[in-house]
Amino acid sequence: MSKYPILISVLVLLVFLSGCVGQKTEVTPKEKATAACIQKCKDALEAGQDLSKGPCLDNGIIEGWVCDVTHSPRQPVDNDPANQCSEFGKTAFSFVEVDPNCNFIKTGSMV
């Protein structure tokens, strides 16, 4: 019979837990852009901005990403270049779309 069964059990438990606790999960650019776009939309609504025409909220919500308000399903106003993010396809190749109530619609990318 071993003299240290409890000690061994505790050590095994600690080794197991060290692999489960403290692991950092990195936030992806997609997640950062989505969260930032939703917040920017909420801030715009709170400030009284009319989002019904589907404006571009930010041509660089984070590097390489734009934030656009659109409708689901799309409406003709969403295809008006005046309401689209002008940097998409130039300096930004990914997008986040939210509806006029700041509900997430989708993300997409040209690459």
N, C-alpha and C. Protein backbone atom coordinates (compact mmCIF):
# COMPACT_ATOMS: atom_id res chain seq x y z
N MET A 1 0.84 -1.17 0.00
CA MET A 1 0.00 0.00 0.00
C MET A 1 0.89 1.24 0.00
N SER A 2 0.57 2.17 -0.87
CA SER A 2 1.37 3.40 -0.99
C SER A 2 1.12 4.33 0.18
N LYS A 3 2.16 5.05 0.56
CA LYS A 3 2.05 5.99 1.67
C LYS A 3 1.43 7.32 1.22
N TYR A 4 1.38 7.54 -0.07
CA TYR A 4 1.00 8.87 -0.56
C TYR A 4 -0.18 8.86 -1.54
N PRO A 5 -1.21 8.07 -1.34
CA PRO A 5 -2.30 8.03 -2.33
C PRO A 5 -3.03 9.36 -2.47
N ILE A 6 -3.22 10.06 -1.38
CA ILE A 6 -3.94 11.34 -1.45
C ILE A 6 -3.07 12.37 -2.16
N LEU A 7 -1.79 12.41 -1.85
CA LEU A 7 -0.87 13.36 -2.48
C LEU A 7 -0.80 13.13 -3.98
N ILE A 8 -0.71 11.87 -4.38
CA ILE A 8 -0.66 11.54 -5.81
C ILE A 8 -1.96 11.95 -6.49
N SER A 9 -3.08 11.69 -5.85
CA SER A 9 -4.38 12.07 -6.42
C SER A 9 -4.48 13.58 -6.59
N VAL A 10 -4.02 14.33 -5.61
CA VAL A 10 -4.07 15.80 -5.68
C VAL A 10 -3.17 16.30 -6.80
N LEU A 11 -1.98 15.73 -6.92
CA LEU A 11 -1.07 16.15 -7.99
C LEU A 11 -1.65 15.86 -9.37
N VAL A 12 -2.25 14.68 -9.54
CA VAL A 12 -2.88 14.34 -10.81
C VAL A 12 -4.00 15.33 -11.11
N LEU A 13 -4.80 15.67 -10.12
CA LEU A 13 -5.88 16.63 -10.30
C LEU A 13 -5.34 17.99 -10.68
N LEU A 14 -4.29 18.44 -10.03
CA LEU A 14 -3.69 19.74 -10.35
C LEU A 14 -3.15 19.79 -11.77
N VAL A 15 -2.51 18.72 -12.20
CA VAL A 15 -1.99 18.66 -13.56
C VAL A 15 -3.15 18.73 -14.55
N PHE A 16 -4.21 18.00 -14.28
CA PHE A 16 -5.38 18.02 -15.15
C PHE A 16 -5.99 19.42 -15.21
N LEU A 17 -6.19 20.03 -14.06
CA LEU A 17 -6.81 21.35 -14.02
C LEU A 17 -5.94 22.42 -14.66
N SER A 18 -4.63 22.29 -14.56
CA SER A 18 -3.75 23.29 -15.16
C SER A 18 -3.90 23.32 -16.67
N GLY A 19 -4.30 22.21 -17.25
CA GLY A 19 -4.55 22.17 -18.68
C GLY A 19 -5.90 22.73 -19.06
N CYS A 20 -6.81 22.83 -18.12
CA CYS A 20 -8.17 23.29 -18.40
C CYS A 20 -8.39 24.75 -18.01
N VAL A 21 -7.68 25.19 -17.02
CA VAL A 21 -7.88 26.54 -16.49
C VAL A 21 -6.75 27.42 -16.96
N GLY A 22 -7.07 28.65 -17.27
CA GLY A 22 -6.04 29.60 -17.61
C GLY A 22 -5.69 29.63 -19.08
N GLN A 23 -6.31 28.80 -19.88
CA GLN A 23 -6.05 28.86 -21.30
C GLN A 23 -6.74 30.07 -21.88
N LYS A 24 -5.97 30.88 -22.57
CA LYS A 24 -6.53 32.08 -23.18
C LYS A 24 -7.00 31.73 -24.58
N THR A 25 -8.17 32.17 -24.91
CA THR A 25 -8.65 32.02 -26.27
C THR A 25 -8.55 33.38 -26.92
N GLU A 26 -7.85 33.44 -28.02
CA GLU A 26 -7.64 34.70 -28.71
C GLU A 26 -8.90 35.08 -29.47
N VAL A 27 -9.25 36.35 -29.38
CA VAL A 27 -10.40 36.87 -30.11
C VAL A 27 -9.96 37.11 -31.55
N THR A 28 -10.73 36.59 -32.48
CA THR A 28 -10.38 36.73 -33.89
C THR A 28 -10.76 38.12 -34.40
N PRO A 29 -10.15 38.57 -35.51
CA PRO A 29 -10.55 39.84 -36.10
C PRO A 29 -12.05 39.88 -36.44
N LYS A 30 -12.58 38.75 -36.90
CA LYS A 30 -14.01 38.67 -37.21
C LYS A 30 -14.85 38.96 -35.97
N GLU A 31 -14.48 38.37 -34.84
CA GLU A 31 -15.21 38.59 -33.59
C GLU A 31 -15.05 40.04 -33.12
N LYS A 32 -13.84 40.59 -33.23
CA LYS A 32 -13.60 41.99 -32.84
C LYS A 32 -14.43 42.93 -33.70
N ALA A 33 -14.40 42.71 -35.02
CA ALA A 33 -15.13 43.59 -35.94
C ALA A 33 -16.63 43.50 -35.69
N THR A 34 -17.13 42.29 -35.46
CA THR A 34 -18.56 42.10 -35.23
C THR A 34 -19.00 42.83 -33.96
N ALA A 35 -18.27 42.64 -32.88
CA ALA A 35 -18.62 43.30 -31.61
C ALA A 35 -18.53 44.82 -31.74
N ALA A 36 -17.50 45.30 -32.41
CA ALA A 36 -17.32 46.74 -32.58
C ALA A 36 -18.42 47.33 -33.46
N CYS A 37 -18.82 46.62 -34.49
CA CYS A 37 -19.87 47.09 -35.39
C CYS A 37 -21.22 47.16 -34.68
N ILE A 38 -21.54 46.14 -33.93
CA ILE A 38 -22.80 46.14 -33.18
C ILE A 38 -22.82 47.30 -32.19
N GLN A 39 -21.71 47.52 -31.50
CA GLN A 39 -21.64 48.62 -30.53
C GLN A 39 -21.74 49.97 -31.23
N LYS A 40 -21.06 50.11 -32.37
CA LYS A 40 -21.12 51.38 -33.12
C LYS A 40 -22.56 51.64 -33.57
N CYS A 41 -23.25 50.61 -33.98
CA CYS A 41 -24.65 50.74 -34.39
C CYS A 41 -25.51 51.19 -33.21
N LYS A 42 -25.33 50.55 -32.06
CA LYS A 42 -26.10 50.92 -30.87
C LYS A 42 -25.82 52.37 -30.47
N ASP A 43 -24.56 52.78 -30.57
CA ASP A 43 -24.20 54.16 -30.25
C ASP A 43 -24.88 55.13 -31.22
N ALA A 44 -24.94 54.77 -32.50
CA ALA A 44 -25.58 55.61 -33.51
C ALA A 44 -27.07 55.73 -33.23
N LEU A 45 -27.71 54.63 -32.90
CA LEU A 45 -29.14 54.67 -32.56
C LEU A 45 -29.39 55.54 -31.34
N GLU A 46 -28.56 55.37 -30.33
CA GLU A 46 -28.70 56.15 -29.10
C GLU A 46 -28.52 57.65 -29.36
N ALA A 47 -27.67 57.96 -30.33
CA ALA A 47 -27.43 59.37 -30.70
C ALA A 47 -28.52 59.92 -31.61
N GLY A 48 -29.47 59.06 -31.99
CA GLY A 48 -30.59 59.51 -32.81
C GLY A 48 -30.36 59.43 -34.31
N GLN A 49 -29.30 58.76 -34.75
CA GLN A 49 -29.01 58.64 -36.17
C GLN A 49 -30.04 57.75 -36.85
N ASP A 50 -30.52 58.17 -38.01
CA ASP A 50 -31.47 57.39 -38.79
C ASP A 50 -30.70 56.32 -39.57
N LEU A 51 -30.97 55.08 -39.28
CA LEU A 51 -30.28 53.98 -39.94
C LEU A 51 -31.16 53.26 -40.96
N SER A 52 -32.33 53.81 -41.22
CA SER A 52 -33.30 53.12 -42.08
C SER A 52 -32.84 52.98 -43.53
N LYS A 53 -31.93 53.84 -43.98
CA LYS A 53 -31.46 53.75 -45.36
C LYS A 53 -30.24 52.86 -45.51
N GLY A 54 -29.78 52.30 -44.39
CA GLY A 54 -28.67 51.37 -44.45
C GLY A 54 -27.32 52.03 -44.70
N PRO A 55 -26.95 53.00 -43.90
CA PRO A 55 -25.68 53.68 -44.14
C PRO A 55 -24.46 52.83 -43.75
N CYS A 56 -23.33 53.22 -44.30
CA CYS A 56 -22.06 52.66 -43.84
C CYS A 56 -21.78 53.33 -42.50
N LEU A 57 -21.55 52.54 -41.48
CA LEU A 57 -21.26 53.11 -40.16
C LEU A 57 -19.78 53.38 -39.96
N ASP A 58 -18.92 52.59 -40.61
CA ASP A 58 -17.49 52.78 -40.40
C ASP A 58 -16.72 52.09 -41.52
N ASN A 59 -15.87 52.85 -42.20
CA ASN A 59 -15.03 52.31 -43.27
C ASN A 59 -13.80 51.59 -42.76
N GLY A 60 -13.63 51.55 -41.45
CA GLY A 60 -12.49 50.86 -40.86
C GLY A 60 -12.77 50.54 -39.41
N ILE A 61 -13.80 49.74 -39.17
CA ILE A 61 -14.21 49.43 -37.79
C ILE A 61 -13.05 48.80 -37.03
N ILE A 62 -12.29 47.94 -37.70
CA ILE A 62 -10.95 47.53 -37.30
C ILE A 62 -10.19 47.41 -38.61
N GLU A 63 -8.90 47.25 -38.55
CA GLU A 63 -8.11 47.21 -39.76
C GLU A 63 -8.61 46.12 -40.72
N GLY A 64 -8.94 46.55 -41.94
CA GLY A 64 -9.37 45.62 -42.98
C GLY A 64 -10.85 45.27 -42.98
N TRP A 65 -11.62 45.88 -42.07
CA TRP A 65 -13.05 45.57 -41.95
C TRP A 65 -13.90 46.83 -41.99
N VAL A 66 -15.05 46.75 -42.66
CA VAL A 66 -16.04 47.83 -42.64
C VAL A 66 -17.28 47.37 -41.90
N CYS A 67 -18.07 48.34 -41.47
CA CYS A 67 -19.30 48.08 -40.73
C CYS A 67 -20.44 48.74 -41.49
N ASP A 68 -21.38 47.94 -41.96
CA ASP A 68 -22.45 48.45 -42.82
C ASP A 68 -23.82 48.05 -42.27
N VAL A 69 -24.73 48.98 -42.33
CA VAL A 69 -26.14 48.69 -41.99
C VAL A 69 -26.83 48.29 -43.29
N THR A 70 -27.59 47.22 -43.24
CA THR A 70 -28.33 46.76 -44.40
C THR A 70 -29.62 46.10 -43.90
N HIS A 71 -30.41 45.64 -44.81
CA HIS A 71 -31.67 45.00 -44.46
C HIS A 71 -31.62 43.52 -44.81
N SER A 72 -32.42 42.75 -44.12
CA SER A 72 -32.52 41.32 -44.41
C SER A 72 -34.00 40.95 -44.48
N PRO A 73 -34.49 40.68 -45.67
CA PRO A 73 -33.79 40.62 -46.95
C PRO A 73 -33.39 42.02 -47.44
N ARG A 74 -32.41 42.03 -48.35
CA ARG A 74 -31.92 43.30 -48.89
C ARG A 74 -33.05 44.07 -49.57
N GLN A 75 -32.93 45.38 -49.49
CA GLN A 75 -33.87 46.28 -50.13
C GLN A 75 -33.11 47.11 -51.16
N PRO A 76 -33.80 47.70 -52.12
CA PRO A 76 -33.11 48.50 -53.13
C PRO A 76 -32.19 49.58 -52.54
N VAL A 77 -32.58 50.17 -51.41
CA VAL A 77 -31.77 51.20 -50.78
C VAL A 77 -30.39 50.65 -50.38
N ASP A 78 -30.28 49.37 -50.14
CA ASP A 78 -29.01 48.76 -49.76
C ASP A 78 -28.02 48.70 -50.92
N ASN A 79 -28.51 48.79 -52.13
CA ASN A 79 -27.66 48.75 -53.32
C ASN A 79 -27.22 50.13 -53.78
N ASP A 80 -27.67 51.17 -53.11
CA ASP A 80 -27.29 52.54 -53.45
C ASP A 80 -25.85 52.76 -52.97
N PRO A 81 -24.93 53.09 -53.89
CA PRO A 81 -23.53 53.32 -53.50
C PRO A 81 -23.37 54.36 -52.38
N ALA A 82 -24.29 55.29 -52.28
CA ALA A 82 -24.21 56.30 -51.22
C ALA A 82 -24.37 55.69 -49.84
N ASN A 83 -24.96 54.50 -49.76
CA ASN A 83 -25.19 53.83 -48.49
C ASN A 83 -24.20 52.70 -48.22
N GLN A 84 -23.26 52.51 -49.13
CA GLN A 84 -22.30 51.43 -48.97
C GLN A 84 -20.95 51.96 -48.50
N CYS A 85 -20.19 51.12 -47.89
CA CYS A 85 -18.87 51.51 -47.39
C CYS A 85 -17.90 51.64 -48.57
N SER A 86 -17.42 52.84 -48.76
CA SER A 86 -16.57 53.13 -49.92
C SER A 86 -15.21 52.45 -49.88
N GLU A 87 -14.74 52.07 -48.72
CA GLU A 87 -13.42 51.44 -48.61
C GLU A 87 -13.46 49.94 -48.85
N PHE A 88 -14.66 49.36 -48.93
CA PHE A 88 -14.74 47.93 -49.17
C PHE A 88 -14.21 47.64 -50.58
N GLY A 89 -13.23 46.77 -50.65
CA GLY A 89 -12.59 46.44 -51.92
C GLY A 89 -11.36 47.28 -52.21
N LYS A 90 -11.11 48.28 -51.36
CA LYS A 90 -9.93 49.15 -51.52
C LYS A 90 -8.94 48.88 -50.40
N THR A 91 -9.27 49.33 -49.19
CA THR A 91 -8.40 49.12 -48.03
C THR A 91 -8.98 48.09 -47.07
N ALA A 92 -10.24 47.79 -47.24
CA ALA A 92 -10.92 46.80 -46.39
C ALA A 92 -11.51 45.72 -47.29
N PHE A 93 -11.26 44.48 -46.91
CA PHE A 93 -11.73 43.38 -47.75
C PHE A 93 -12.69 42.44 -47.02
N SER A 94 -13.08 42.86 -45.82
CA SER A 94 -14.06 42.09 -45.05
C SER A 94 -15.11 43.04 -44.50
N PHE A 95 -16.30 42.51 -44.26
CA PHE A 95 -17.38 43.37 -43.78
C PHE A 95 -18.21 42.68 -42.71
N VAL A 96 -18.87 43.55 -41.92
CA VAL A 96 -19.89 43.11 -40.97
C VAL A 96 -21.15 43.84 -41.37
N GLU A 97 -22.25 43.12 -41.45
CA GLU A 97 -23.55 43.73 -41.72
C GLU A 97 -24.46 43.56 -40.51
N VAL A 98 -25.10 44.67 -40.14
CA VAL A 98 -26.12 44.67 -39.09
C VAL A 98 -27.36 45.31 -39.67
N ASP A 99 -28.52 45.00 -39.09
CA ASP A 99 -29.75 45.63 -39.57
C ASP A 99 -29.95 46.97 -38.87
N PRO A 100 -30.95 47.75 -39.27
CA PRO A 100 -31.17 49.07 -38.67
C PRO A 100 -31.47 49.05 -37.17
N ASN A 101 -31.71 47.87 -36.61
CA ASN A 101 -31.91 47.74 -35.16
C ASN A 101 -30.68 47.16 -34.47
N CYS A 102 -29.59 47.08 -35.21
CA CYS A 102 -28.28 46.61 -34.70
C CYS A 102 -28.21 45.11 -34.48
N ASN A 103 -29.10 44.36 -35.09
CA ASN A 103 -29.02 42.91 -35.03
C ASN A 103 -28.01 42.43 -36.07
N PHE A 104 -27.14 41.53 -35.69
CA PHE A 104 -26.15 40.96 -36.59
C PHE A 104 -26.83 40.23 -37.74
N ILE A 105 -26.34 40.50 -38.97
CA ILE A 105 -26.83 39.79 -40.14
C ILE A 105 -25.79 38.78 -40.60
N LYS A 106 -24.59 39.29 -40.99
CA LYS A 106 -23.56 38.38 -41.45
C LYS A 106 -22.22 39.11 -41.57
N THR A 107 -21.19 38.31 -41.76
CA THR A 107 -19.87 38.81 -42.11
C THR A 107 -19.52 38.20 -43.46
N GLY A 108 -18.60 38.83 -44.13
CA GLY A 108 -18.14 38.30 -45.41
C GLY A 108 -16.78 38.85 -45.75
N SER A 109 -16.19 38.30 -46.78
CA SER A 109 -14.85 38.69 -47.17
C SER A 109 -14.64 38.50 -48.65
N MET A 110 -13.80 39.34 -49.23
CA MET A 110 -13.43 39.21 -50.63
C MET A 110 -12.26 38.24 -50.79
N VAL A 111 -11.62 37.91 -49.68
CA VAL A 111 -10.43 37.04 -49.76
C VAL A 111 -10.72 35.70 -49.14
